[in-house]
Amino acid sequence: MRSYRRFASVYDRLMEDMPYSEWMNFARRSWEKYGMPKTVVDLACGTGNVSIPLAKAGFSVFGIDLSADMLAIARSKWESGGRNSRQADEPGTIRWLQQDMRDWELPVPVDAVLCFCDSLNYLTEKEDVTATFRRTFDSLAPGGLFLFDVHAPKQLERYAEEQPFVLDEKDVAYLWTSDYDPVRQEIEHDLTFFVREDADGAASGDTLYRRFEESHTQRAYEPDWLAGQLQAAGFELLHLVADFTWTEPNADSERLFYVARKPG
């Protein structure tokens, strides 16, 4: 498990094109089908790109992440403007908590848990996935929903086939290579970043870049195995769908979505 230390400083810049609004829409459509929650856990919340819109929409949110650096950025974003641009009549709240998704806990059960942006793929051992499912089941109120998405196994193969990836912009650049293990369905992403520094103190016309390296490992799991682990934890699997839609996965699916419910 990683805590994203230096990566946190450029995370939002690199993820600005991610479809956060589609994740929000998927959650809302799920809740409209099965019951609108009041309390929501955003598991592996990162810099709050789902937690903050949820709170602005009036939900009581717990943003949980392993990384103190990610949480510091999330908290700063919320304090500096997010809490003052709420969309709902009833103001939402956020409580930021540094916890591991494998053994997270709250003092009271919650109505819903989200784990989006393929965060569960960062669990590279099966027992860690199982532990996360069990902790989530135990922390949900009866009838509560657990929504998450993962990369389909074929998607990690595609990353390996399509790499290397290069970004070259004025403020940030990276070189991204990947190494895929087909036996474990696991991919290691090695990234070298160049991030533009403040030019104060530099000679006129000079542009300085700070270089750092990151390595991130993700593992894909077979859809049927994930479904079986959810059921073993006590969940009722309501839907397995693909790519922000309500259609069943196929060979071309990139992102798989699970909608599970704690009976009650």
C-alpha atoms as a PDB file:
ATOM      1  CA  MET A   1       0.000   0.000   0.000  1.00  0.00           C
ATOM      2  CA  ARG A   2       1.319   3.460  -0.955  1.00  0.00           C
ATOM      3  CA  SER A   3       0.824   6.812   0.727  1.00  0.00           C
ATOM      4  CA  TYR A   4       1.527   8.961  -2.396  1.00  0.00           C
ATOM      5  CA  ARG A   5       3.958  11.354  -0.777  1.00  0.00           C
ATOM      6  CA  ARG A   6       5.421  13.490  -3.609  1.00  0.00           C
ATOM      7  CA  PHE A   7       2.778  12.325  -6.061  1.00  0.00           C
ATOM      8  CA  ALA A   8       0.086  14.077  -4.012  1.00  0.00           C
ATOM      9  CA  SER A   9       1.476  17.473  -5.000  1.00  0.00           C
ATOM     10  CA  VAL A  10       0.732  16.908  -8.709  1.00  0.00           C
ATOM     11  CA  TYR A  11      -2.204  14.500  -8.422  1.00  0.00           C
ATOM     12  CA  ASP A  12      -4.973  16.990  -9.200  1.00  0.00           C
ATOM     13  CA  ARG A  13      -3.061  18.431 -12.137  1.00  0.00           C
ATOM     14  CA  LEU A  14      -2.637  14.994 -13.704  1.00  0.00           C
ATOM     15  CA  MET A  15      -6.172  13.803 -12.905  1.00  0.00           C
ATOM     16  CA  GLU A  16      -8.077  16.894 -14.013  1.00  0.00           C
ATOM     17  CA  ASP A  17      -9.566  15.089 -17.023  1.00  0.00           C
ATOM     18  CA  MET A  18     -10.847  12.123 -15.020  1.00  0.00           C
ATOM     19  CA  PRO A  19     -14.646  11.642 -15.208  1.00  0.00           C
ATOM     20  CA  TYR A  20     -15.486  12.520 -11.606  1.00  0.00           C
ATOM     21  CA  SER A  21     -18.931  13.742 -12.613  1.00  0.00           C
ATOM     22  CA  GLU A  22     -19.672  10.321 -14.131  1.00  0.00           C
ATOM     23  CA  TRP A  23     -18.737   8.589 -10.873  1.00  0.00           C
ATOM     24  CA  MET A  24     -21.052  10.975  -9.057  1.00  0.00           C
ATOM     25  CA  ASN A  25     -23.849  10.278 -11.521  1.00  0.00           C
ATOM     26  CA  PHE A  26     -23.388   6.520 -11.173  1.00  0.00           C
ATOM     27  CA  ALA A  27     -23.622   6.788  -7.398  1.00  0.00           C
ATOM     28  CA  ARG A  28     -26.711   8.951  -7.549  1.00  0.00           C
ATOM     29  CA  ARG A  29     -28.459   6.638 -10.015  1.00  0.00           C
ATOM     30  CA  SER A  30     -27.700   3.678  -7.752  1.00  0.00           C
ATOM     31  CA  TRP A  31     -29.072   5.482  -4.717  1.00  0.00           C
ATOM     32  CA  GLU A  32     -32.194   6.514  -6.606  1.00  0.00           C
ATOM     33  CA  LYS A  33     -32.825   2.818  -7.309  1.00  0.00           C
ATOM     34  CA  TYR A  34     -32.166   1.512  -3.804  1.00  0.00           C
ATOM     35  CA  GLY A  35     -32.484   4.368  -1.343  1.00  0.00           C
ATOM     36  CA  MET A  36     -30.842   7.746  -0.869  1.00  0.00           C
ATOM     37  CA  PRO A  37     -28.234   7.741   1.931  1.00  0.00           C
ATOM     38  CA  LYS A  38     -27.492  10.432   4.477  1.00  0.00           C
ATOM     39  CA  THR A  39     -24.029   9.267   5.532  1.00  0.00           C
ATOM     40  CA  VAL A  40     -21.430   8.238   2.935  1.00  0.00           C
ATOM     41  CA  VAL A  41     -17.874   6.930   3.203  1.00  0.00           C
ATOM     42  CA  ASP A  42     -15.581   7.807   0.311  1.00  0.00           C
ATOM     43  CA  LEU A  43     -12.993   5.052   0.676  1.00  0.00           C
ATOM     44  CA  ALA A  44      -9.536   5.879  -0.745  1.00  0.00           C
ATOM     45  CA  CYS A  45     -10.767   9.443  -1.204  1.00  0.00           C
ATOM     46  CA  GLY A  46      -7.463  10.909  -2.410  1.00  0.00           C
ATOM     47  CA  THR A  47      -7.640  14.682  -2.693  1.00  0.00           C
ATOM     48  CA  GLY A  48     -11.404  14.768  -2.225  1.00  0.00           C
ATOM     49  CA  ASN A  49     -12.593  14.949  -5.820  1.00  0.00           C
ATOM     50  CA  VAL A  50     -15.632  12.826  -4.972  1.00  0.00           C
ATOM     51  CA  SER A  51     -15.953  13.644  -1.261  1.00  0.00           C
ATOM     52  CA  ILE A  52     -16.234  17.399  -1.793  1.00  0.00           C
ATOM     53  CA  PRO A  53     -19.013  17.266  -4.430  1.00  0.00           C
ATOM     54  CA  LEU A  54     -20.905  14.827  -2.199  1.00  0.00           C
ATOM     55  CA  ALA A  55     -20.705  17.198   0.754  1.00  0.00           C
ATOM     56  CA  LYS A  56     -21.662  20.167  -1.427  1.00  0.00           C
ATOM     57  CA  ALA A  57     -24.742  18.172  -2.450  1.00  0.00           C
ATOM     58  CA  GLY A  58     -25.754  17.858   1.204  1.00  0.00           C
ATOM     59  CA  PHE A  59     -24.407  14.469   2.276  1.00  0.00           C
ATOM     60  CA  SER A  60     -22.545  13.791   5.502  1.00  0.00           C
ATOM     61  CA  VAL A  61     -19.237  12.418   4.219  1.00  0.00           C
ATOM     62  CA  PHE A  62     -16.285  10.577   5.720  1.00  0.00           C
ATOM     63  CA  GLY A  63     -13.257  10.863   3.441  1.00  0.00           C
ATOM     64  CA  ILE A  64     -10.862   8.021   4.250  1.00  0.00           C
ATOM     65  CA  ASP A  65      -7.398   7.626   2.763  1.00  0.00           C
ATOM     66  CA  LEU A  66      -4.063   6.093   3.733  1.00  0.00           C
ATOM     67  CA  SER A  67      -2.074   9.135   2.586  1.00  0.00           C
ATOM     68  CA  ALA A  68      -1.698  12.085   4.962  1.00  0.00           C
ATOM     69  CA  ASP A  69      -0.466  14.181   2.019  1.00  0.00           C
ATOM     70  CA  MET A  70      -3.560  13.466  -0.057  1.00  0.00           C
ATOM     71  CA  LEU A  71      -5.801  14.242   2.908  1.00  0.00           C
ATOM     72  CA  ALA A  72      -3.985  17.517   3.591  1.00  0.00           C
ATOM     73  CA  ILE A  73      -4.712  18.673   0.042  1.00  0.00           C
ATOM     74  CA  ALA A  74      -8.328  17.514   0.290  1.00  0.00           C
ATOM     75  CA  ARG A  75      -8.819  19.345   3.574  1.00  0.00           C
ATOM     76  CA  SER A  76      -7.264  22.522   2.153  1.00  0.00           C
ATOM     77  CA  LYS A  77      -9.552  22.419  -0.896  1.00  0.00           C
ATOM     78  CA  TRP A  78     -12.606  21.986   1.318  1.00  0.00           C
ATOM     79  CA  GLU A  79     -11.620  24.704   3.777  1.00  0.00           C
ATOM     80  CA  SER A  80     -10.580  27.212   1.103  1.00  0.00           C
ATOM     81  CA  GLY A  81     -13.737  27.135  -0.952  1.00  0.00           C
ATOM     82  CA  GLY A  82     -15.573  23.843  -1.158  1.00  0.00           C
ATOM     83  CA  ARG A  83     -17.618  24.350   1.985  1.00  0.00           C
ATOM     84  CA  ASN A  84     -18.784  27.778   0.751  1.00  0.00           C
ATOM     85  CA  SER A  85     -20.220  26.603  -2.576  1.00  0.00           C
ATOM     86  CA  ARG A  86     -22.796  24.075  -1.460  1.00  0.00           C
ATOM     87  CA  GLN A  87     -25.609  23.124  -3.763  1.00  0.00           C
ATOM     88  CA  ALA A  88     -28.102  21.721  -1.264  1.00  0.00           C
ATOM     89  CA  ASP A  89     -30.524  23.394   1.103  1.00  0.00           C
ATOM     90  CA  GLU A  90     -29.153  21.252   3.926  1.00  0.00           C
ATOM     91  CA  PRO A  91     -25.397  21.783   4.293  1.00  0.00           C
ATOM     92  CA  GLY A  92     -23.179  18.737   4.025  1.00  0.00           C
ATOM     93  CA  THR A  93     -20.138  17.943   6.106  1.00  0.00           C
ATOM     94  CA  ILE A  94     -16.832  16.126   5.664  1.00  0.00           C
ATOM     95  CA  ARG A  95     -14.681  14.434   8.244  1.00  0.00           C
ATOM     96  CA  TRP A  96     -11.231  13.477   6.919  1.00  0.00           C
ATOM     97  CA  LEU A  97      -9.682  10.295   8.368  1.00  0.00           C
ATOM     98  CA  GLN A  98      -6.303   8.690   7.733  1.00  0.00           C
ATOM     99  CA  GLN A  99      -7.028   4.963   7.705  1.00  0.00           C
ATOM    100  CA  ASP A 100      -6.170   1.859   5.709  1.00  0.00           C
ATOM    101  CA  MET A 101      -9.067   0.562   3.608  1.00  0.00           C
ATOM    102  CA  ARG A 102      -8.323  -2.968   4.826  1.00  0.00           C
ATOM    103  CA  ASP A 103      -9.193  -2.160   8.430  1.00  0.00           C
ATOM    104  CA  TRP A 104     -11.054   1.143   8.431  1.00  0.00           C
ATOM    105  CA  GLU A 105     -13.677   1.792  11.063  1.00  0.00           C
ATOM    106  CA  LEU A 106     -16.109   4.417  12.293  1.00  0.00           C
ATOM    107  CA  PRO A 107     -17.936   4.699  15.618  1.00  0.00           C
ATOM    108  CA  VAL A 108     -21.345   4.267  13.960  1.00  0.00           C
ATOM    109  CA  PRO A 109     -22.583   2.442  10.824  1.00  0.00           C
ATOM    110  CA  VAL A 110     -23.023   4.430   7.596  1.00  0.00           C
ATOM    111  CA  ASP A 111     -25.629   4.269   4.842  1.00  0.00           C
ATOM    112  CA  ALA A 112     -23.307   3.948   1.841  1.00  0.00           C
ATOM    113  CA  VAL A 113     -19.667   3.316   0.934  1.00  0.00           C
ATOM    114  CA  LEU A 114     -17.986   4.329  -2.322  1.00  0.00           C
ATOM    115  CA  CYS A 115     -14.583   3.201  -3.563  1.00  0.00           C
ATOM    116  CA  PHE A 116     -14.072   4.696  -7.005  1.00  0.00           C
ATOM    117  CA  CYS A 117     -11.211   5.499  -9.400  1.00  0.00           C
ATOM    118  CA  ASP A 118     -10.009   1.847  -9.497  1.00  0.00           C
ATOM    119  CA  SER A 119      -8.665   2.183  -5.946  1.00  0.00           C
ATOM    120  CA  LEU A 120      -9.283  -1.489  -5.157  1.00  0.00           C
ATOM    121  CA  ASN A 121      -6.840  -2.462  -7.909  1.00  0.00           C
ATOM    122  CA  TYR A 122      -4.091  -1.149  -5.645  1.00  0.00           C
ATOM    123  CA  LEU A 123      -4.765  -4.077  -3.324  1.00  0.00           C
ATOM    124  CA  THR A 124      -2.343  -6.608  -4.805  1.00  0.00           C
ATOM    125  CA  GLU A 125      -3.110  -9.577  -2.553  1.00  0.00           C
ATOM    126  CA  LYS A 126      -6.407 -11.431  -2.500  1.00  0.00           C
ATOM    127  CA  GLU A 127      -6.575 -11.458   1.280  1.00  0.00           C
ATOM    128  CA  ASP A 128      -6.434  -7.648   1.284  1.00  0.00           C
ATOM    129  CA  VAL A 129      -9.467  -7.455  -1.015  1.00  0.00           C
ATOM    130  CA  THR A 130     -11.307  -9.905   1.218  1.00  0.00           C
ATOM    131  CA  ALA A 131     -10.411  -7.895   4.329  1.00  0.00           C
ATOM    132  CA  THR A 132     -11.665  -4.682   2.721  1.00  0.00           C
ATOM    133  CA  PHE A 133     -14.982  -6.278   1.799  1.00  0.00           C
ATOM    134  CA  ARG A 134     -15.463  -7.622   5.313  1.00  0.00           C
ATOM    135  CA  ARG A 135     -14.616  -4.313   6.992  1.00  0.00           C
ATOM    136  CA  THR A 136     -16.981  -2.505   4.644  1.00  0.00           C
ATOM    137  CA  PHE A 137     -19.789  -4.961   5.330  1.00  0.00           C
ATOM    138  CA  ASP A 138     -19.314  -4.585   9.084  1.00  0.00           C
ATOM    139  CA  SER A 139     -19.341  -0.770   8.831  1.00  0.00           C
ATOM    140  CA  LEU A 140     -22.526  -0.458   6.781  1.00  0.00           C
ATOM    141  CA  ALA A 141     -25.989  -0.138   8.252  1.00  0.00           C
ATOM    142  CA  PRO A 142     -28.484  -2.855   7.216  1.00  0.00           C
ATOM    143  CA  GLY A 143     -29.663  -2.103   3.695  1.00  0.00           C
ATOM    144  CA  GLY A 144     -26.561   0.014   2.986  1.00  0.00           C
ATOM    145  CA  LEU A 145     -24.949   0.047  -0.461  1.00  0.00           C
ATOM    146  CA  PHE A 146     -21.313  -0.580  -1.405  1.00  0.00           C
ATOM    147  CA  LEU A 147     -20.338   0.811  -4.825  1.00  0.00           C
ATOM    148  CA  PHE A 148     -16.911   0.388  -6.390  1.00  0.00           C
ATOM    149  CA  ASP A 149     -15.180   0.139  -9.728  1.00  0.00           C
ATOM    150  CA  VAL A 150     -12.096  -1.772 -10.850  1.00  0.00           C
ATOM    151  CA  HIS A 151     -10.078  -2.109 -14.026  1.00  0.00           C
ATOM    152  CA  ALA A 152     -11.111  -5.127 -16.056  1.00  0.00           C
ATOM    153  CA  PRO A 153      -8.243  -7.630 -16.413  1.00  0.00           C
ATOM    154  CA  LYS A 154      -8.019  -6.912 -20.147  1.00  0.00           C
ATOM    155  CA  GLN A 155      -7.534  -3.216 -19.430  1.00  0.00           C
ATOM    156  CA  LEU A 156      -4.232  -3.846 -17.655  1.00  0.00           C
ATOM    157  CA  GLU A 157      -3.101  -5.857 -20.680  1.00  0.00           C
ATOM    158  CA  ARG A 158      -4.011  -2.908 -22.891  1.00  0.00           C
ATOM    159  CA  TYR A 159      -1.927  -0.554 -20.766  1.00  0.00           C
ATOM    160  CA  ALA A 160       1.072  -2.843 -21.218  1.00  0.00           C
ATOM    161  CA  GLU A 161       0.508  -3.065 -24.969  1.00  0.00           C
ATOM    162  CA  GLU A 162       0.077   0.695 -25.409  1.00  0.00           C
ATOM    163  CA  GLN A 163       2.925   1.918 -23.178  1.00  0.00           C
ATOM    164  CA  PRO A 164       5.071   3.992 -22.975  1.00  0.00           C
ATOM    165  CA  PHE A 165       2.977   7.098 -22.281  1.00  0.00           C
ATOM    166  CA  VAL A 166       4.416  10.595 -22.461  1.00  0.00           C
ATOM    167  CA  LEU A 167       3.117  13.961 -21.271  1.00  0.00           C
ATOM    168  CA  ASP A 168       5.007  17.139 -22.156  1.00  0.00           C
ATOM    169  CA  GLU A 169       3.406  20.379 -20.999  1.00  0.00           C
ATOM    170  CA  LYS A 170       4.803  23.641 -19.685  1.00  0.00           C
ATOM    171  CA  ASP A 171       4.157  22.974 -16.014  1.00  0.00           C
ATOM    172  CA  VAL A 172       4.602  19.201 -15.841  1.00  0.00           C
ATOM    173  CA  ALA A 173       5.979  16.345 -17.928  1.00  0.00           C
ATOM    174  CA  TYR A 174       6.269  12.630 -17.383  1.00  0.00           C
ATOM    175  CA  LEU A 175       7.524   9.416 -18.938  1.00  0.00           C
ATOM    176  CA  TRP A 176       5.376   6.424 -17.979  1.00  0.00           C
ATOM    177  CA  THR A 177       6.367   2.819 -18.655  1.00  0.00           C
ATOM    178  CA  SER A 178       4.616  -0.367 -17.557  1.00  0.00           C
ATOM    179  CA  ASP A 179       5.597  -3.983 -16.907  1.00  0.00           C
ATOM    180  CA  TYR A 180       2.800  -6.571 -16.909  1.00  0.00           C
ATOM    181  CA  ASP A 181       2.773  -9.968 -15.187  1.00  0.00           C
ATOM    182  CA  PRO A 182       0.078 -12.075 -16.927  1.00  0.00           C
ATOM    183  CA  VAL A 183       0.140 -14.815 -14.294  1.00  0.00           C
ATOM    184  CA  ARG A 184      -0.818 -12.462 -11.451  1.00  0.00           C
ATOM    185  CA  GLN A 185      -2.675 -10.060 -13.767  1.00  0.00           C
ATOM    186  CA  GLU A 186      -0.540  -7.365 -12.180  1.00  0.00           C
ATOM    187  CA  ILE A 187       1.019  -4.282 -13.692  1.00  0.00           C
ATOM    188  CA  GLU A 188       3.775  -2.045 -12.371  1.00  0.00           C
ATOM    189  CA  HIS A 189       3.736   1.548 -13.571  1.00  0.00           C
ATOM    190  CA  ASP A 190       7.066   3.401 -13.365  1.00  0.00           C
ATOM    191  CA  LEU A 191       6.768   7.151 -13.796  1.00  0.00           C
ATOM    192  CA  THR A 192       9.425   9.839 -14.004  1.00  0.00           C
ATOM    193  CA  PHE A 193       8.020  13.325 -13.387  1.00  0.00           C
ATOM    194  CA  PHE A 194       9.414  16.758 -14.182  1.00  0.00           C
ATOM    195  CA  VAL A 195       7.485  19.460 -12.349  1.00  0.00           C
ATOM    196  CA  ARG A 196       8.074  23.143 -13.002  1.00  0.00           C
ATOM    197  CA  GLU A 197       9.455  25.055 -10.032  1.00  0.00           C
ATOM    198  CA  ASP A 198       8.979  28.668  -9.009  1.00  0.00           C
ATOM    199  CA  ALA A 199      11.472  30.696 -11.046  1.00  0.00           C
ATOM    200  CA  ASP A 200      12.426  32.972  -8.107  1.00  0.00           C
ATOM    201  CA  GLY A 201      16.200  33.051  -7.795  1.00  0.00           C
ATOM    202  CA  ALA A 202      16.801  31.596 -11.234  1.00  0.00           C
ATOM    203  CA  ALA A 203      18.633  33.468 -13.927  1.00  0.00           C
ATOM    204  CA  SER A 204      16.448  35.492 -16.250  1.00  0.00           C
ATOM    205  CA  GLY A 205      14.752  33.263 -18.771  1.00  0.00           C
ATOM    206  CA  ASP A 206      15.632  30.011 -16.999  1.00  0.00           C
ATOM    207  CA  THR A 207      12.957  27.420 -16.273  1.00  0.00           C
ATOM    208  CA  LEU A 208      13.680  24.905 -13.522  1.00  0.00           C
ATOM    209  CA  TYR A 209      12.029  21.502 -13.157  1.00  0.00           C
ATOM    210  CA  ARG A 210      12.069  19.171 -10.172  1.00  0.00           C
ATOM    211  CA  ARG A 211      12.455  15.505 -11.088  1.00  0.00           C
ATOM    212  CA  PHE A 212      11.061  12.654  -9.031  1.00  0.00           C
ATOM    213  CA  GLU A 213      10.103   9.052  -9.641  1.00  0.00           C
ATOM    214  CA  GLU A 214       7.075   7.005  -8.608  1.00  0.00           C
ATOM    215  CA  SER A 215       6.201   3.331  -8.937  1.00  0.00           C
ATOM    216  CA  HIS A 216       2.582   2.172  -8.678  1.00  0.00           C
ATOM    217  CA  THR A 217       1.373  -1.424  -8.808  1.00  0.00           C
ATOM    218  CA  GLN A 218      -2.158  -2.558  -9.605  1.00  0.00           C
ATOM    219  CA  ARG A 219      -3.654  -6.011  -9.838  1.00  0.00           C
ATOM    220  CA  ALA A 220      -6.799  -7.081 -11.664  1.00  0.00           C
ATOM    221  CA  TYR A 221      -9.120  -9.766 -10.367  1.00  0.00           C
ATOM    222  CA  GLU A 222     -11.560 -11.922 -12.269  1.00  0.00           C
ATOM    223  CA  PRO A 223     -15.109 -10.525 -12.061  1.00  0.00           C
ATOM    224  CA  ASP A 224     -16.566 -13.809 -10.788  1.00  0.00           C
ATOM    225  CA  TRP A 225     -13.958 -14.004  -8.020  1.00  0.00           C
ATOM    226  CA  LEU A 226     -14.803 -10.484  -6.833  1.00  0.00           C
ATOM    227  CA  ALA A 227     -18.503 -11.316  -6.902  1.00  0.00           C
ATOM    228  CA  GLY A 228     -17.860 -14.451  -4.862  1.00  0.00           C
ATOM    229  CA  GLN A 229     -15.843 -12.537  -2.265  1.00  0.00           C
ATOM    230  CA  LEU A 230     -18.610  -9.976  -1.896  1.00  0.00           C
ATOM    231  CA  GLN A 231     -21.121 -12.739  -1.276  1.00  0.00           C
ATOM    232  CA  ALA A 232     -18.760 -14.491   1.144  1.00  0.00           C
ATOM    233  CA  ALA A 233     -18.526 -11.242   3.127  1.00  0.00           C
ATOM    234  CA  GLY A 234     -22.330 -11.200   3.386  1.00  0.00           C
ATOM    235  CA  PHE A 235     -23.264  -8.836   0.558  1.00  0.00           C
ATOM    236  CA  GLU A 236     -26.032  -9.270  -1.969  1.00  0.00           C
ATOM    237  CA  LEU A 237     -24.632  -8.441  -5.410  1.00  0.00           C
ATOM    238  CA  LEU A 238     -27.239  -6.317  -7.180  1.00  0.00           C
ATOM    239  CA  HIS A 239     -25.386  -5.331 -10.355  1.00  0.00           C
ATOM    240  CA  LEU A 240     -22.145  -5.941 -12.220  1.00  0.00           C
ATOM    241  CA  VAL A 241     -21.993  -3.428 -15.063  1.00  0.00           C
ATOM    242  CA  ALA A 242     -19.394  -1.668 -17.185  1.00  0.00           C
ATOM    243  CA  ASP A 243     -18.023   1.733 -18.069  1.00  0.00           C
ATOM    244  CA  PHE A 244     -20.452   4.014 -16.187  1.00  0.00           C
ATOM    245  CA  THR A 245     -23.459   2.337 -17.829  1.00  0.00           C
ATOM    246  CA  TRP A 246     -25.994  -0.230 -16.684  1.00  0.00           C
ATOM    247  CA  THR A 247     -24.966  -2.718 -19.382  1.00  0.00           C
ATOM    248  CA  GLU A 248     -23.232  -6.016 -18.652  1.00  0.00           C
ATOM    249  CA  PRO A 249     -19.457  -6.232 -19.203  1.00  0.00           C
ATOM    250  CA  ASN A 250     -18.017  -7.646 -22.411  1.00  0.00           C
ATOM    251  CA  ALA A 251     -14.540  -8.270 -23.817  1.00  0.00           C
ATOM    252  CA  ASP A 252     -14.076  -4.569 -24.603  1.00  0.00           C
ATOM    253  CA  SER A 253     -15.081  -3.256 -21.182  1.00  0.00           C
ATOM    254  CA  GLU A 254     -12.470  -1.132 -19.469  1.00  0.00           C
ATOM    255  CA  ARG A 255     -13.953  -0.446 -16.045  1.00  0.00           C
ATOM    256  CA  LEU A 256     -16.255  -2.747 -14.080  1.00  0.00           C
ATOM    257  CA  PHE A 257     -18.788  -1.396 -11.564  1.00  0.00           C
ATOM    258  CA  TYR A 258     -20.197  -3.388  -8.660  1.00  0.00           C
ATOM    259  CA  VAL A 259     -23.343  -2.479  -6.744  1.00  0.00           C
ATOM    260  CA  ALA A 260     -23.687  -4.534  -3.561  1.00  0.00           C
ATOM    261  CA  ARG A 261     -26.076  -4.304  -0.636  1.00  0.00           C
ATOM    262  CA  LYS A 262     -25.915  -5.370   2.991  1.00  0.00           C
ATOM    263  CA  PRO A 263     -29.152  -7.252   3.665  1.00  0.00           C
ATOM    264  CA  GLY A 264     -31.461  -5.784   6.205  1.00  0.00           C
END
